[in-house]
Amino acid sequence: MNRKELNPEAGPEAAFGARLRRSREERRWTQEQLGERMGFSATHISAVETGRKISTVRFSRSADVVFGLAGTEDTFERQWREIRHGVLLEGFPEFLGYESRAAEIRLYEVGVIPGLLQTPEYATVLGESTVKRGAITADQASERTAVVAARQAALLRTPPPVVFAVLDESCLRRPVGGPALMKSQFTRLLEFAELPNTVLQIAPFDLGERRPLSLPVTVLTLSDRSIMSYAESSQRGHLERDNNSVVPMLTAYHQLQAEAHTQAASVAMIDQLRKGTS
């Protein structure tokens, strides 16, 4: 038997795999027997144990059921979620927790459609391009796409948050994935604008020096009316809770909304692009 020695200290995926093997061997199960119980092949079990394949939420939940961990604090699913957040920017997982329960979300984006408004195809192409650059693995790209879907699903809660979105015109003009994909993405934006709890505006290029914000930012208002802002650099995200910093950001956002196109004009611009007439 060719048994590979595992090093749990090699990384989070290695720790997950070593724990899976340890739990299996404590019950004297073979990989085939565990696979039958979990609904996965023995090859898949082996790949996760040795860190060659990253777990998924379905795999983790299945392991929790098989090993009697479902509903406990120390589950495989919890460990998997910590691994998943490891492929995200520092500070972003904490932001996600607040975003999922915010009463109001104000976002401004430059150059790319923001995650909350992306179609699955748009999100997938962005992930694949990051993989091609060698920045992340294919599995990590899939996890990032899953995060986008989870964030969008959180908007469907009752009552839903009010979402204000101001997109720099560059978000619309930058082609991603080809004309068909962009047409679908423009349709998604138009559908978003029709919702009763959303406002969508485009900040045109000709704002010039009147543009009060130059970098992407999100401002959250929680149910207790406390506010916080989130912004990213290329390496990390920063969640700001100090009102002395957040209030000026909120003021600048309101100024941006006043300078941007109205929603009606923004929808007309997007519709022209969708029809290929602009």
C-alpha atoms as a PDB file:
ATOM      1  CA  MET A   1       0.000   0.000   0.000  1.00  0.00           C
ATOM      2  CA  ASN A   2       1.439   3.362  -1.059  1.00  0.00           C
ATOM      3  CA  ARG A   3       0.580   5.509   1.928  1.00  0.00           C
ATOM      4  CA  LYS A   4       1.551   9.174   1.674  1.00  0.00           C
ATOM      5  CA  GLU A   5       2.665  10.790   4.908  1.00  0.00           C
ATOM      6  CA  LEU A   6       0.651  13.909   5.665  1.00  0.00           C
ATOM      7  CA  ASN A   7       1.838  17.134   7.248  1.00  0.00           C
ATOM      8  CA  PRO A   8      -1.087  19.021   8.828  1.00  0.00           C
ATOM      9  CA  GLU A   9       1.167  22.048   9.295  1.00  0.00           C
ATOM     10  CA  ALA A  10       1.685  22.454   5.554  1.00  0.00           C
ATOM     11  CA  GLY A  11      -1.454  24.555   5.163  1.00  0.00           C
ATOM     12  CA  PRO A  12      -5.215  24.646   5.760  1.00  0.00           C
ATOM     13  CA  GLU A  13      -5.987  22.159   2.977  1.00  0.00           C
ATOM     14  CA  ALA A  14      -3.378  19.769   4.400  1.00  0.00           C
ATOM     15  CA  ALA A  15      -4.881  20.114   7.880  1.00  0.00           C
ATOM     16  CA  PHE A  16      -8.343  19.361   6.506  1.00  0.00           C
ATOM     17  CA  GLY A  17      -7.075  16.278   4.663  1.00  0.00           C
ATOM     18  CA  ALA A  18      -5.143  14.988   7.664  1.00  0.00           C
ATOM     19  CA  ARG A  19      -8.209  15.373   9.857  1.00  0.00           C
ATOM     20  CA  LEU A  20     -10.316  13.484   7.338  1.00  0.00           C
ATOM     21  CA  ARG A  21      -7.808  10.612   7.223  1.00  0.00           C
ATOM     22  CA  ARG A  22      -7.509  10.534  11.013  1.00  0.00           C
ATOM     23  CA  SER A  23     -11.290  10.420  11.430  1.00  0.00           C
ATOM     24  CA  ARG A  24     -11.531   7.628   8.850  1.00  0.00           C
ATOM     25  CA  GLU A  25      -8.751   5.517  10.328  1.00  0.00           C
ATOM     26  CA  GLU A  26     -10.138   5.875  13.856  1.00  0.00           C
ATOM     27  CA  ARG A  27     -13.161   3.987  12.554  1.00  0.00           C
ATOM     28  CA  ARG A  28     -10.973   1.552  10.604  1.00  0.00           C
ATOM     29  CA  TRP A  29     -12.657   2.450   7.332  1.00  0.00           C
ATOM     30  CA  THR A  30     -10.944   2.212   3.986  1.00  0.00           C
ATOM     31  CA  GLN A  31     -11.183   5.082   1.523  1.00  0.00           C
ATOM     32  CA  GLU A  32     -13.642   2.969  -0.452  1.00  0.00           C
ATOM     33  CA  GLN A  33     -15.851   2.471   2.617  1.00  0.00           C
ATOM     34  CA  LEU A  34     -15.802   6.163   3.511  1.00  0.00           C
ATOM     35  CA  GLY A  35     -16.507   7.061  -0.095  1.00  0.00           C
ATOM     36  CA  GLU A  36     -19.571   4.804  -0.143  1.00  0.00           C
ATOM     37  CA  ARG A  37     -20.910   6.425   3.006  1.00  0.00           C
ATOM     38  CA  MET A  38     -20.284   9.978   1.732  1.00  0.00           C
ATOM     39  CA  GLY A  39     -21.300   9.474  -1.896  1.00  0.00           C
ATOM     40  CA  PHE A  40     -17.837  10.106  -3.351  1.00  0.00           C
ATOM     41  CA  SER A  41     -15.284   7.863  -5.032  1.00  0.00           C
ATOM     42  CA  ALA A  42     -12.293   6.465  -3.194  1.00  0.00           C
ATOM     43  CA  THR A  43     -10.105   8.466  -5.572  1.00  0.00           C
ATOM     44  CA  HIS A  44     -11.861  11.658  -4.492  1.00  0.00           C
ATOM     45  CA  ILE A  45     -11.404  10.786  -0.810  1.00  0.00           C
ATOM     46  CA  SER A  46      -7.715  10.159  -1.415  1.00  0.00           C
ATOM     47  CA  ALA A  47      -7.281  13.444  -3.272  1.00  0.00           C
ATOM     48  CA  VAL A  48      -8.842  15.435  -0.427  1.00  0.00           C
ATOM     49  CA  GLU A  49      -6.826  13.609   2.226  1.00  0.00           C
ATOM     50  CA  THR A  50      -3.553  14.331   0.466  1.00  0.00           C
ATOM     51  CA  GLY A  51      -4.457  17.931  -0.380  1.00  0.00           C
ATOM     52  CA  ARG A  52      -4.557  17.370  -4.137  1.00  0.00           C
ATOM     53  CA  LYS A  53      -8.214  18.401  -4.232  1.00  0.00           C
ATOM     54  CA  ILE A  54      -9.897  21.110  -2.170  1.00  0.00           C
ATOM     55  CA  SER A  55     -13.065  20.172  -0.325  1.00  0.00           C
ATOM     56  CA  THR A  56     -16.446  21.657  -1.227  1.00  0.00           C
ATOM     57  CA  VAL A  57     -19.427  22.542   0.942  1.00  0.00           C
ATOM     58  CA  ARG A  58     -21.237  19.360  -0.169  1.00  0.00           C
ATOM     59  CA  PHE A  59     -18.223  17.202   0.640  1.00  0.00           C
ATOM     60  CA  SER A  60     -17.767  18.868   4.043  1.00  0.00           C
ATOM     61  CA  ARG A  61     -21.420  18.514   5.018  1.00  0.00           C
ATOM     62  CA  SER A  62     -21.405  14.877   3.961  1.00  0.00           C
ATOM     63  CA  ALA A  63     -18.353  14.264   6.145  1.00  0.00           C
ATOM     64  CA  ASP A  64     -20.108  15.917   9.082  1.00  0.00           C
ATOM     65  CA  VAL A  65     -23.091  13.585   8.698  1.00  0.00           C
ATOM     66  CA  VAL A  66     -20.946  10.466   8.355  1.00  0.00           C
ATOM     67  CA  PHE A  67     -18.737  11.319  11.333  1.00  0.00           C
ATOM     68  CA  GLY A  68     -21.606  12.570  13.510  1.00  0.00           C
ATOM     69  CA  LEU A  69     -20.426  16.188  13.619  1.00  0.00           C
ATOM     70  CA  ALA A  70     -23.471  17.907  12.085  1.00  0.00           C
ATOM     71  CA  GLY A  71     -24.796  20.574  14.429  1.00  0.00           C
ATOM     72  CA  THR A  72     -21.633  20.707  16.541  1.00  0.00           C
ATOM     73  CA  GLU A  73     -19.165  23.581  16.757  1.00  0.00           C
ATOM     74  CA  ASP A  74     -16.131  21.795  15.301  1.00  0.00           C
ATOM     75  CA  THR A  75     -17.489  20.667  11.938  1.00  0.00           C
ATOM     76  CA  PHE A  76     -15.735  19.945   8.681  1.00  0.00           C
ATOM     77  CA  GLU A  77     -17.983  22.558   7.091  1.00  0.00           C
ATOM     78  CA  ARG A  78     -16.712  25.230   9.473  1.00  0.00           C
ATOM     79  CA  GLN A  79     -13.131  24.252   8.683  1.00  0.00           C
ATOM     80  CA  TRP A  80     -13.926  24.379   4.963  1.00  0.00           C
ATOM     81  CA  ARG A  81     -15.399  27.875   5.271  1.00  0.00           C
ATOM     82  CA  GLU A  82     -12.219  29.046   6.975  1.00  0.00           C
ATOM     83  CA  ILE A  83     -10.232  27.620   4.051  1.00  0.00           C
ATOM     84  CA  ARG A  84     -12.564  29.293   1.563  1.00  0.00           C
ATOM     85  CA  HIS A  85     -12.101  32.646   3.230  1.00  0.00           C
ATOM     86  CA  GLY A  86      -8.382  32.086   2.972  1.00  0.00           C
ATOM     87  CA  VAL A  87      -8.592  32.718  -0.790  1.00  0.00           C
ATOM     88  CA  LEU A  88     -10.251  36.079  -0.135  1.00  0.00           C
ATOM     89  CA  LEU A  89      -8.574  39.334   0.694  1.00  0.00           C
ATOM     90  CA  GLU A  90      -7.753  39.994   4.314  1.00  0.00           C
ATOM     91  CA  GLY A  91     -10.692  41.844   5.862  1.00  0.00           C
ATOM     92  CA  PHE A  92     -13.216  40.688   3.256  1.00  0.00           C
ATOM     93  CA  PRO A  93     -14.707  37.758   5.240  1.00  0.00           C
ATOM     94  CA  GLU A  94     -15.487  40.117   8.133  1.00  0.00           C
ATOM     95  CA  PHE A  95     -17.070  42.569   5.693  1.00  0.00           C
ATOM     96  CA  LEU A  96     -19.258  39.795   4.257  1.00  0.00           C
ATOM     97  CA  GLY A  97     -20.740  39.171   7.684  1.00  0.00           C
ATOM     98  CA  TYR A  98     -21.843  42.795   7.982  1.00  0.00           C
ATOM     99  CA  GLU A  99     -22.987  43.050   4.370  1.00  0.00           C
ATOM    100  CA  SER A 100     -25.290  40.042   4.800  1.00  0.00           C
ATOM    101  CA  ARG A 101     -27.294  41.857   7.480  1.00  0.00           C
ATOM    102  CA  ALA A 102     -26.951  45.514   6.446  1.00  0.00           C
ATOM    103  CA  ALA A 103     -30.117  47.598   6.107  1.00  0.00           C
ATOM    104  CA  GLU A 104     -28.563  49.798   3.417  1.00  0.00           C
ATOM    105  CA  ILE A 105     -25.686  49.106   1.031  1.00  0.00           C
ATOM    106  CA  ARG A 106     -24.030  51.907  -0.919  1.00  0.00           C
ATOM    107  CA  LEU A 107     -21.401  50.806  -3.407  1.00  0.00           C
ATOM    108  CA  TYR A 108     -19.221  52.537  -5.960  1.00  0.00           C
ATOM    109  CA  GLU A 109     -17.170  50.513  -8.437  1.00  0.00           C
ATOM    110  CA  VAL A 110     -14.621  51.321 -11.136  1.00  0.00           C
ATOM    111  CA  GLY A 111     -13.631  49.167 -14.112  1.00  0.00           C
ATOM    112  CA  VAL A 112     -15.589  46.016 -13.319  1.00  0.00           C
ATOM    113  CA  ILE A 113     -19.213  45.160 -12.535  1.00  0.00           C
ATOM    114  CA  PRO A 114     -19.433  44.711  -8.733  1.00  0.00           C
ATOM    115  CA  GLY A 115     -20.017  41.223  -7.365  1.00  0.00           C
ATOM    116  CA  LEU A 116     -23.541  41.915  -6.136  1.00  0.00           C
ATOM    117  CA  LEU A 117     -24.590  42.723  -9.720  1.00  0.00           C
ATOM    118  CA  GLN A 118     -22.564  40.147 -11.687  1.00  0.00           C
ATOM    119  CA  THR A 119     -24.085  37.318 -13.697  1.00  0.00           C
ATOM    120  CA  PRO A 120     -22.601  33.854 -12.940  1.00  0.00           C
ATOM    121  CA  GLU A 121     -20.958  33.878 -16.377  1.00  0.00           C
ATOM    122  CA  TYR A 122     -19.320  37.266 -15.782  1.00  0.00           C
ATOM    123  CA  ALA A 123     -18.028  36.139 -12.383  1.00  0.00           C
ATOM    124  CA  THR A 124     -16.715  32.899 -13.878  1.00  0.00           C
ATOM    125  CA  VAL A 125     -14.777  34.663 -16.643  1.00  0.00           C
ATOM    126  CA  LEU A 126     -13.157  36.991 -14.117  1.00  0.00           C
ATOM    127  CA  GLY A 127     -12.127  33.995 -12.029  1.00  0.00           C
ATOM    128  CA  GLU A 128     -10.749  32.116 -15.012  1.00  0.00           C
ATOM    129  CA  SER A 129      -8.677  35.109 -16.081  1.00  0.00           C
ATOM    130  CA  THR A 130      -7.161  35.266 -12.593  1.00  0.00           C
ATOM    131  CA  VAL A 131      -6.285  31.571 -12.841  1.00  0.00           C
ATOM    132  CA  LYS A 132      -4.589  32.147 -16.213  1.00  0.00           C
ATOM    133  CA  ARG A 133      -2.420  34.825 -14.612  1.00  0.00           C
ATOM    134  CA  GLY A 134      -1.344  32.255 -12.020  1.00  0.00           C
ATOM    135  CA  ALA A 135      -2.693  34.285  -9.097  1.00  0.00           C
ATOM    136  CA  ILE A 136      -5.071  31.576  -7.829  1.00  0.00           C
ATOM    137  CA  THR A 137      -5.970  27.950  -8.555  1.00  0.00           C
ATOM    138  CA  ALA A 138      -9.025  26.780 -10.480  1.00  0.00           C
ATOM    139  CA  ASP A 139     -10.594  25.505  -7.237  1.00  0.00           C
ATOM    140  CA  GLN A 140     -10.026  28.869  -5.588  1.00  0.00           C
ATOM    141  CA  ALA A 141     -11.656  30.608  -8.551  1.00  0.00           C
ATOM    142  CA  SER A 142     -14.685  28.354  -8.143  1.00  0.00           C
ATOM    143  CA  GLU A 143     -14.882  29.263  -4.472  1.00  0.00           C
ATOM    144  CA  ARG A 144     -14.759  32.974  -5.304  1.00  0.00           C
ATOM    145  CA  THR A 145     -17.607  32.506  -7.757  1.00  0.00           C
ATOM    146  CA  ALA A 146     -19.540  30.674  -5.033  1.00  0.00           C
ATOM    147  CA  VAL A 147     -18.982  33.637  -2.695  1.00  0.00           C
ATOM    148  CA  VAL A 148     -20.488  35.978  -5.304  1.00  0.00           C
ATOM    149  CA  ALA A 149     -23.576  33.750  -5.534  1.00  0.00           C
ATOM    150  CA  ALA A 150     -23.896  33.601  -1.740  1.00  0.00           C
ATOM    151  CA  ARG A 151     -23.658  37.401  -1.464  1.00  0.00           C
ATOM    152  CA  GLN A 152     -26.397  37.852  -4.045  1.00  0.00           C
ATOM    153  CA  ALA A 153     -28.600  35.280  -2.305  1.00  0.00           C
ATOM    154  CA  ALA A 154     -28.274  37.256   0.938  1.00  0.00           C
ATOM    155  CA  LEU A 155     -29.987  40.207  -0.781  1.00  0.00           C
ATOM    156  CA  LEU A 156     -33.185  38.154  -1.018  1.00  0.00           C
ATOM    157  CA  ARG A 157     -33.742  38.168   2.742  1.00  0.00           C
ATOM    158  CA  THR A 158     -36.858  39.707   4.301  1.00  0.00           C
ATOM    159  CA  PRO A 159     -36.873  42.622   4.572  1.00  0.00           C
ATOM    160  CA  PRO A 160     -34.325  43.148   1.792  1.00  0.00           C
ATOM    161  CA  PRO A 161     -31.622  45.794   2.112  1.00  0.00           C
ATOM    162  CA  VAL A 162     -31.834  49.023   0.158  1.00  0.00           C
ATOM    163  CA  VAL A 163     -28.979  48.941  -2.361  1.00  0.00           C
ATOM    164  CA  PHE A 164     -27.563  52.086  -3.948  1.00  0.00           C
ATOM    165  CA  ALA A 165     -25.106  51.308  -6.749  1.00  0.00           C
ATOM    166  CA  VAL A 166     -23.060  53.909  -8.605  1.00  0.00           C
ATOM    167  CA  LEU A 167     -20.948  52.435 -11.395  1.00  0.00           C
ATOM    168  CA  ASP A 168     -18.193  54.313 -13.155  1.00  0.00           C
ATOM    169  CA  GLU A 169     -18.804  54.286 -16.898  1.00  0.00           C
ATOM    170  CA  SER A 170     -15.666  52.157 -17.248  1.00  0.00           C
ATOM    171  CA  CYS A 171     -17.611  49.253 -15.694  1.00  0.00           C
ATOM    172  CA  LEU A 172     -19.839  49.256 -18.772  1.00  0.00           C
ATOM    173  CA  ARG A 173     -17.183  49.966 -21.382  1.00  0.00           C
ATOM    174  CA  ARG A 174     -14.734  47.254 -20.324  1.00  0.00           C
ATOM    175  CA  PRO A 175     -15.535  44.114 -22.369  1.00  0.00           C
ATOM    176  CA  VAL A 176     -15.520  40.875 -20.394  1.00  0.00           C
ATOM    177  CA  GLY A 177     -16.135  37.508 -22.010  1.00  0.00           C
ATOM    178  CA  GLY A 178     -17.418  38.734 -25.359  1.00  0.00           C
ATOM    179  CA  PRO A 179     -20.536  40.502 -26.699  1.00  0.00           C
ATOM    180  CA  ALA A 180     -23.050  37.803 -25.734  1.00  0.00           C
ATOM    181  CA  LEU A 181     -21.877  37.705 -22.147  1.00  0.00           C
ATOM    182  CA  MET A 182     -21.893  41.502 -21.889  1.00  0.00           C
ATOM    183  CA  LYS A 183     -25.413  41.658 -23.318  1.00  0.00           C
ATOM    184  CA  SER A 184     -26.548  39.256 -20.617  1.00  0.00           C
ATOM    185  CA  GLN A 185     -24.729  41.331 -18.004  1.00  0.00           C
ATOM    186  CA  PHE A 186     -26.414  44.527 -19.194  1.00  0.00           C
ATOM    187  CA  THR A 187     -29.774  42.768 -18.935  1.00  0.00           C
ATOM    188  CA  ARG A 188     -28.913  41.835 -15.356  1.00  0.00           C
ATOM    189  CA  LEU A 189     -28.196  45.496 -14.564  1.00  0.00           C
ATOM    190  CA  LEU A 190     -31.522  46.572 -16.046  1.00  0.00           C
ATOM    191  CA  GLU A 191     -33.336  43.949 -13.966  1.00  0.00           C
ATOM    192  CA  PHE A 192     -31.517  45.159 -10.865  1.00  0.00           C
ATOM    193  CA  ALA A 193     -32.621  48.741 -11.546  1.00  0.00           C
ATOM    194  CA  GLU A 194     -36.262  47.640 -11.711  1.00  0.00           C
ATOM    195  CA  LEU A 195     -36.296  46.257  -8.172  1.00  0.00           C
ATOM    196  CA  PRO A 196     -38.207  48.316  -5.583  1.00  0.00           C
ATOM    197  CA  ASN A 197     -35.288  48.372  -3.151  1.00  0.00           C
ATOM    198  CA  THR A 198     -32.506  49.468  -5.533  1.00  0.00           C
ATOM    199  CA  VAL A 199     -31.113  52.595  -7.159  1.00  0.00           C
ATOM    200  CA  LEU A 200     -28.643  52.273 -10.046  1.00  0.00           C
ATOM    201  CA  GLN A 201     -26.664  55.214 -11.421  1.00  0.00           C
ATOM    202  CA  ILE A 202     -23.779  55.608 -13.844  1.00  0.00           C
ATOM    203  CA  ALA A 203     -20.990  58.099 -13.164  1.00  0.00           C
ATOM    204  CA  PRO A 204     -20.013  59.210 -16.704  1.00  0.00           C
ATOM    205  CA  PHE A 205     -16.458  59.831 -17.848  1.00  0.00           C
ATOM    206  CA  ASP A 206     -17.150  63.523 -18.339  1.00  0.00           C
ATOM    207  CA  LEU A 207     -17.563  64.124 -14.605  1.00  0.00           C
ATOM    208  CA  GLY A 208     -13.861  64.857 -14.707  1.00  0.00           C
ATOM    209  CA  GLU A 209     -12.640  66.767 -11.673  1.00  0.00           C
ATOM    210  CA  ARG A 210     -16.164  66.865 -10.215  1.00  0.00           C
ATOM    211  CA  ARG A 211     -15.894  63.187  -9.289  1.00  0.00           C
ATOM    212  CA  PRO A 212     -15.666  63.110  -5.455  1.00  0.00           C
ATOM    213  CA  LEU A 213     -14.521  59.457  -5.303  1.00  0.00           C
ATOM    214  CA  SER A 214     -11.814  57.908  -7.449  1.00  0.00           C
ATOM    215  CA  LEU A 215     -11.506  54.462  -5.852  1.00  0.00           C
ATOM    216  CA  PRO A 216     -14.138  51.759  -5.248  1.00  0.00           C
ATOM    217  CA  VAL A 217     -15.816  51.835  -1.855  1.00  0.00           C
ATOM    218  CA  THR A 218     -18.811  50.326  -0.056  1.00  0.00           C
ATOM    219  CA  VAL A 219     -20.652  52.002   2.816  1.00  0.00           C
ATOM    220  CA  LEU A 220     -22.939  49.866   4.980  1.00  0.00           C
ATOM    221  CA  THR A 221     -25.702  51.057   7.271  1.00  0.00           C
ATOM    222  CA  LEU A 222     -26.767  48.467   9.835  1.00  0.00           C
ATOM    223  CA  SER A 223     -30.212  48.138  11.409  1.00  0.00           C
ATOM    224  CA  ASP A 224     -29.064  50.129  14.449  1.00  0.00           C
ATOM    225  CA  ARG A 225     -28.063  52.953  12.026  1.00  0.00           C
ATOM    226  CA  SER A 226     -24.365  52.486  12.688  1.00  0.00           C
ATOM    227  CA  ILE A 227     -22.240  52.891   9.559  1.00  0.00           C
ATOM    228  CA  MET A 228     -19.000  51.439   8.274  1.00  0.00           C
ATOM    229  CA  SER A 229     -17.050  51.550   5.029  1.00  0.00           C
ATOM    230  CA  TYR A 230     -15.021  48.948   3.192  1.00  0.00           C
ATOM    231  CA  ALA A 231     -12.294  49.519   0.603  1.00  0.00           C
ATOM    232  CA  GLU A 232      -9.584  47.360  -0.952  1.00  0.00           C
ATOM    233  CA  SER A 233      -6.019  47.625  -2.103  1.00  0.00           C
ATOM    234  CA  SER A 234      -4.459  44.972  -4.315  1.00  0.00           C
ATOM    235  CA  GLN A 235      -3.424  42.957  -1.263  1.00  0.00           C
ATOM    236  CA  ARG A 236      -6.004  43.500   1.486  1.00  0.00           C
ATOM    237  CA  GLY A 237      -9.355  44.943   2.405  1.00  0.00           C
ATOM    238  CA  HIS A 238      -9.978  47.467   5.150  1.00  0.00           C
ATOM    239  CA  LEU A 239     -13.183  47.738   7.178  1.00  0.00           C
ATOM    240  CA  GLU A 240     -13.539  51.167   8.797  1.00  0.00           C
ATOM    241  CA  ARG A 241     -15.931  51.717  11.705  1.00  0.00           C
ATOM    242  CA  ASP A 242     -14.699  55.079  12.994  1.00  0.00           C
ATOM    243  CA  ASN A 243     -17.348  57.715  12.234  1.00  0.00           C
ATOM    244  CA  ASN A 244     -14.654  60.346  11.810  1.00  0.00           C
ATOM    245  CA  SER A 245     -13.537  58.425   8.720  1.00  0.00           C
ATOM    246  CA  VAL A 246     -16.835  56.939   7.559  1.00  0.00           C
ATOM    247  CA  VAL A 247     -19.013  60.084   7.660  1.00  0.00           C
ATOM    248  CA  PRO A 248     -16.807  62.001   5.161  1.00  0.00           C
ATOM    249  CA  MET A 249     -16.910  58.918   2.927  1.00  0.00           C
ATOM    250  CA  LEU A 250     -20.704  58.878   3.122  1.00  0.00           C
ATOM    251  CA  THR A 251     -20.825  62.590   2.323  1.00  0.00           C
ATOM    252  CA  ALA A 252     -18.617  62.050  -0.723  1.00  0.00           C
ATOM    253  CA  TYR A 253     -20.904  59.220  -1.820  1.00  0.00           C
ATOM    254  CA  HIS A 254     -23.940  61.500  -1.654  1.00  0.00           C
ATOM    255  CA  GLN A 255     -22.057  64.084  -3.708  1.00  0.00           C
ATOM    256  CA  LEU A 256     -21.240  61.385  -6.253  1.00  0.00           C
ATOM    257  CA  GLN A 257     -24.906  60.432  -6.510  1.00  0.00           C
ATOM    258  CA  ALA A 258     -25.825  64.056  -7.128  1.00  0.00           C
ATOM    259  CA  GLU A 259     -23.255  64.353  -9.965  1.00  0.00           C
ATOM    260  CA  ALA A 260     -23.990  60.956 -11.570  1.00  0.00           C
ATOM    261  CA  HIS A 261     -26.671  60.302 -14.165  1.00  0.00           C
ATOM    262  CA  THR A 262     -30.191  59.793 -12.847  1.00  0.00           C
ATOM    263  CA  GLN A 263     -31.409  56.222 -12.774  1.00  0.00           C
ATOM    264  CA  ALA A 264     -33.571  56.879 -15.837  1.00  0.00           C
ATOM    265  CA  ALA A 265     -30.605  58.235 -17.814  1.00  0.00           C
ATOM    266  CA  SER A 266     -28.392  55.411 -16.536  1.00  0.00           C
ATOM    267  CA  VAL A 267     -30.898  52.770 -17.595  1.00  0.00           C
ATOM    268  CA  ALA A 268     -31.123  54.386 -21.039  1.00  0.00           C
ATOM    269  CA  MET A 269     -27.315  54.259 -21.406  1.00  0.00           C
ATOM    270  CA  ILE A 270     -27.176  50.590 -20.378  1.00  0.00           C
ATOM    271  CA  ASP A 271     -30.044  49.708 -22.706  1.00  0.00           C
ATOM    272  CA  GLN A 272     -28.254  51.378 -25.633  1.00  0.00           C
ATOM    273  CA  LEU A 273     -25.136  49.357 -24.896  1.00  0.00           C
ATOM    274  CA  ARG A 274     -27.184  46.184 -24.614  1.00  0.00           C
ATOM    275  CA  LYS A 275     -28.673  46.827 -28.048  1.00  0.00           C
ATOM    276  CA  GLY A 276     -25.251  47.659 -29.467  1.00  0.00           C
ATOM    277  CA  THR A 277     -26.249  51.197 -30.366  1.00  0.00           C
ATOM    278  CA  SER A 278     -23.705  53.067 -28.256  1.00  0.00           C
END
